[in-house]
Amino acid sequence: MGNIEFDCPRCGSPATEDFYGPCTQCRSRLRASLGGEQRRVEAAEYVPKLNVTANAVALRDD
């Protein structure tokens, strides 16, 4: 992928990167200040609600 030249939107210094966004130094600082440890999040099992009533047409006797 080709590098593009632009001014970093965070610090304003000239940057040459593959994608537009914070420069390499700003990304490193952001990861150091905002990054945390990864952790696995377990999703709760889906349990459907039981308050659903049956379809009136399906219960009709002809």
Protein backbone atom coordinates (compact mmCIF):
# COMPACT_ATOMS: atom_id res chain seq x y z
CA MET A 1 0.00 0.00 0.00
CA GLY A 2 1.36 3.45 -0.83
CA ASN A 3 2.30 5.93 1.83
CA ILE A 4 0.50 9.28 1.91
CA GLU A 5 1.87 12.52 3.27
CA PHE A 6 -0.30 14.66 5.57
CA ASP A 7 -0.20 16.64 8.80
CA CYS A 8 -1.05 14.56 11.87
CA PRO A 9 -4.57 15.50 13.00
CA ARG A 10 -3.49 15.13 16.65
CA CYS A 11 -0.17 16.98 16.91
CA GLY A 12 0.02 18.76 13.54
CA SER A 13 3.48 17.50 12.60
CA PRO A 14 4.13 16.22 9.05
CA ALA A 15 3.57 12.47 8.76
CA THR A 16 3.92 9.76 6.11
CA GLU A 17 1.70 6.76 6.85
CA ASP A 18 -0.32 4.08 5.03
CA PHE A 19 -3.61 5.52 6.34
CA TYR A 20 -4.79 8.96 7.44
CA GLY A 21 -4.86 9.31 11.22
CA PRO A 22 -2.58 9.97 14.18
CA CYS A 23 1.14 9.64 13.43
CA THR A 24 3.22 6.76 14.80
CA GLN A 25 4.40 8.76 17.83
CA CYS A 26 0.85 9.86 18.72
CA ARG A 27 -0.44 6.28 18.36
CA SER A 28 2.30 5.07 20.72
CA ARG A 29 1.39 7.73 23.28
CA LEU A 30 -2.32 6.90 22.97
CA ARG A 31 -1.67 3.18 23.49
CA ALA A 32 0.46 3.93 26.55
CA SER A 33 -2.09 6.26 28.13
CA LEU A 34 -5.39 4.65 27.11
CA GLY A 35 -4.52 1.01 26.43
CA GLY A 36 -5.25 -1.58 29.04
CA GLU A 37 -4.76 -5.27 29.48
CA GLN A 38 -6.82 -7.55 27.29
CA ARG A 39 -9.39 -9.67 29.03
CA ARG A 40 -11.86 -12.26 27.85
CA VAL A 41 -15.51 -11.30 28.24
CA GLU A 42 -17.98 -14.16 28.50
CA ALA A 43 -21.40 -13.44 27.01
CA ALA A 44 -24.43 -14.55 28.99
CA GLU A 45 -26.48 -17.31 27.43
CA TYR A 46 -29.60 -16.04 25.64
CA VAL A 47 -32.84 -17.12 27.32
CA PRO A 48 -36.02 -16.11 25.44
CA LYS A 49 -38.84 -14.47 27.34
CA LEU A 50 -41.77 -16.75 28.17
CA ASN A 51 -44.52 -14.12 28.15
CA VAL A 52 -45.28 -14.61 24.44
CA THR A 53 -48.88 -15.63 23.71
CA ALA A 54 -49.86 -18.02 20.97
CA ASN A 55 -51.16 -16.72 17.65
CA ALA A 56 -54.98 -16.33 17.80
CA VAL A 57 -55.40 -17.58 14.22
CA ALA A 58 -53.48 -20.77 15.00
CA LEU A 59 -55.73 -21.50 18.00
CA ARG A 60 -59.04 -20.89 16.18
CA ASP A 61 -61.26 -23.94 15.62
CA ASP A 62 -63.30 -23.95 12.41
